[in-house]
Amino acid sequence: MPRIAGVNIPEEKKIKIALTYIYGIGLSLSSKILLETGINPSTKAKDIKPDEINRLKEIIEKNYKVEGEAKRKVMMAIKRLKDIGTWRGLRHIKRLPVRGQRTKTNTRTVRGNVRKTVGSGRKPAPTSK
């Protein structure tokens, strides 16, 4: 199983899809990276040679913020919003939806009002032997 940027890449998937398992790399960035390295996007991850894996690692680590670095950047942006007291920052503090979603009927899990799904309301008939 190839390991890139601290993430085990699934072997049975095409390399274009497998690279998206790394936090911070989506499909378009994956395509761009493969174009840079000259690797065919339709090859399976298990069929990639070690020198190609090294090229992928080198390009990803040198040019892109992925995994911990990308997560840290997002957390710092949210912290900044909270510190300056913006509307979005206050929504983050209250753990409510930030981007204008409704809260009357949706976002139960975010608000902590989780209800278990109820069946039809009828109990099964007792079976007699």
Protein backbone atom coordinates (compact mmCIF):
# COMPACT_ATOMS: atom_id res chain seq x y z
CA MET A 1 0.00 0.00 0.00
CA PRO A 2 1.68 3.27 -1.09
CA ARG A 3 2.06 5.88 1.62
CA ILE A 4 2.07 9.54 0.59
CA ALA A 5 1.98 12.52 3.01
CA GLY A 6 1.36 10.16 5.95
CA VAL A 7 -1.74 8.60 4.36
CA ASN A 8 -2.09 5.04 3.10
CA ILE A 9 -3.37 5.21 -0.46
CA PRO A 10 -5.91 2.48 -1.41
CA GLU A 11 -4.33 0.06 -3.89
CA GLU A 12 -7.38 -1.02 -5.86
CA LYS A 13 -8.42 2.48 -6.94
CA LYS A 14 -7.14 4.51 -9.85
CA ILE A 15 -4.35 6.85 -8.77
CA LYS A 16 -6.43 9.91 -9.70
CA ILE A 17 -9.07 8.89 -7.14
CA ALA A 18 -6.61 7.44 -4.62
CA LEU A 19 -4.80 10.79 -4.24
CA THR A 20 -8.05 12.39 -3.05
CA TYR A 21 -7.75 10.37 0.17
CA ILE A 22 -5.13 12.92 1.22
CA TYR A 23 -6.70 15.88 3.05
CA GLY A 24 -6.31 18.96 0.88
CA ILE A 25 -6.23 17.18 -2.48
CA GLY A 26 -9.40 16.99 -4.56
CA LEU A 27 -10.02 15.65 -8.04
CA SER A 28 -8.85 18.72 -9.92
CA LEU A 29 -5.65 19.06 -7.89
CA SER A 30 -5.05 15.32 -8.24
CA SER A 31 -5.28 15.64 -12.03
CA LYS A 32 -2.91 18.61 -11.99
CA ILE A 33 -0.34 16.71 -9.87
CA LEU A 34 -0.49 13.65 -12.14
CA LEU A 35 -0.02 15.87 -15.18
CA GLU A 36 3.09 17.38 -13.56
CA THR A 37 4.57 13.98 -12.74
CA GLY A 38 3.63 12.40 -16.06
CA ILE A 39 1.73 9.50 -14.49
CA ASN A 40 -1.29 8.08 -16.31
CA PRO A 41 -4.39 8.91 -14.17
CA SER A 42 -6.11 5.61 -15.05
CA THR A 43 -3.40 3.33 -13.60
CA LYS A 44 -4.17 1.55 -10.36
CA ALA A 45 -2.29 2.68 -7.27
CA LYS A 46 -0.75 -0.75 -6.79
CA ASP A 47 0.81 -0.63 -10.30
CA ILE A 48 2.75 2.58 -9.68
CA LYS A 49 6.51 2.18 -9.56
CA PRO A 50 8.54 3.32 -6.50
CA ASP A 51 10.28 6.10 -8.45
CA GLU A 52 6.87 7.48 -9.48
CA ILE A 53 5.72 7.38 -5.84
CA ASN A 54 8.83 9.33 -4.87
CA ARG A 55 8.08 11.94 -7.56
CA LEU A 56 4.49 12.25 -6.26
CA LYS A 57 5.72 12.66 -2.66
CA GLU A 58 8.26 15.27 -3.67
CA ILE A 59 5.80 17.40 -5.66
CA ILE A 60 3.04 17.18 -3.05
CA GLU A 61 5.30 18.02 -0.09
CA LYS A 62 7.12 20.81 -1.92
CA ASN A 63 4.23 22.61 -3.62
CA TYR A 64 1.02 21.97 -1.68
CA LYS A 65 -0.32 22.28 1.85
CA VAL A 66 -1.87 18.95 2.79
CA GLU A 67 -2.94 17.03 5.90
CA GLY A 68 -1.84 18.74 9.15
CA GLU A 69 -0.69 21.94 7.51
CA ALA A 70 -4.01 22.39 5.67
CA LYS A 71 -6.06 21.55 8.77
CA ARG A 72 -4.01 24.02 10.81
CA LYS A 73 -4.68 26.74 8.22
CA VAL A 74 -8.45 26.14 8.41
CA MET A 75 -8.40 26.16 12.22
CA MET A 76 -6.46 29.43 12.26
CA ALA A 77 -8.99 31.02 9.89
CA ILE A 78 -11.88 29.95 12.15
CA LYS A 79 -10.01 31.16 15.25
CA ARG A 80 -9.47 34.55 13.60
CA LEU A 81 -13.20 34.87 12.86
CA LYS A 82 -14.02 34.02 16.48
CA ASP A 83 -11.46 36.49 17.87
CA ILE A 84 -12.67 39.48 15.86
CA GLY A 85 -16.31 38.66 16.64
CA THR A 86 -17.75 38.36 13.16
CA TRP A 87 -21.14 36.83 12.54
CA ARG A 88 -19.55 33.68 11.15
CA GLY A 89 -17.26 33.53 14.17
CA LEU A 90 -20.22 33.75 16.55
CA ARG A 91 -21.99 30.96 14.64
CA HIS A 92 -18.86 28.82 15.01
CA ILE A 93 -18.76 29.55 18.76
CA LYS A 94 -22.42 28.53 19.15
CA ARG A 95 -21.83 25.46 16.94
CA LEU A 96 -24.60 26.46 14.55
CA PRO A 97 -24.59 26.38 10.73
CA VAL A 98 -22.40 29.17 9.40
CA ARG A 99 -23.42 29.51 5.77
CA GLY A 100 -27.06 30.53 5.98
CA GLN A 101 -28.73 27.14 6.31
CA ARG A 102 -32.07 26.97 8.09
CA THR A 103 -32.15 25.67 11.64
CA LYS A 104 -35.86 25.31 12.31
CA THR A 105 -36.14 21.84 10.83
CA ASN A 106 -32.62 20.78 9.87
CA THR A 107 -29.31 20.60 11.76
CA ARG A 108 -30.72 18.58 14.64
CA THR A 109 -27.43 16.85 15.27
CA VAL A 110 -25.51 20.13 15.37
CA ARG A 111 -27.95 21.58 17.89
CA GLY A 112 -27.85 18.45 20.04
CA ASN A 113 -31.51 17.55 19.52
CA VAL A 114 -31.04 14.04 18.19
CA ARG A 115 -34.18 11.95 17.92
CA LYS A 116 -34.08 8.30 17.10
CA THR A 117 -36.13 7.21 14.12
CA VAL A 118 -39.47 5.77 15.11
CA GLY A 119 -41.01 2.94 13.14
CA SER A 120 -44.66 2.65 12.19
CA GLY A 121 -45.76 2.81 15.82
CA ARG A 122 -47.13 -0.72 15.85
CA LYS A 123 -45.50 -3.41 17.89
CA PRO A 124 -45.17 -6.79 16.26
CA ALA A 125 -47.91 -9.27 17.15
CA PRO A 126 -46.86 -11.80 19.79
CA THR A 127 -46.07 -15.18 18.34
CA SER A 128 -47.68 -18.14 20.05
CA LYS A 129 -46.25 -21.63 20.01
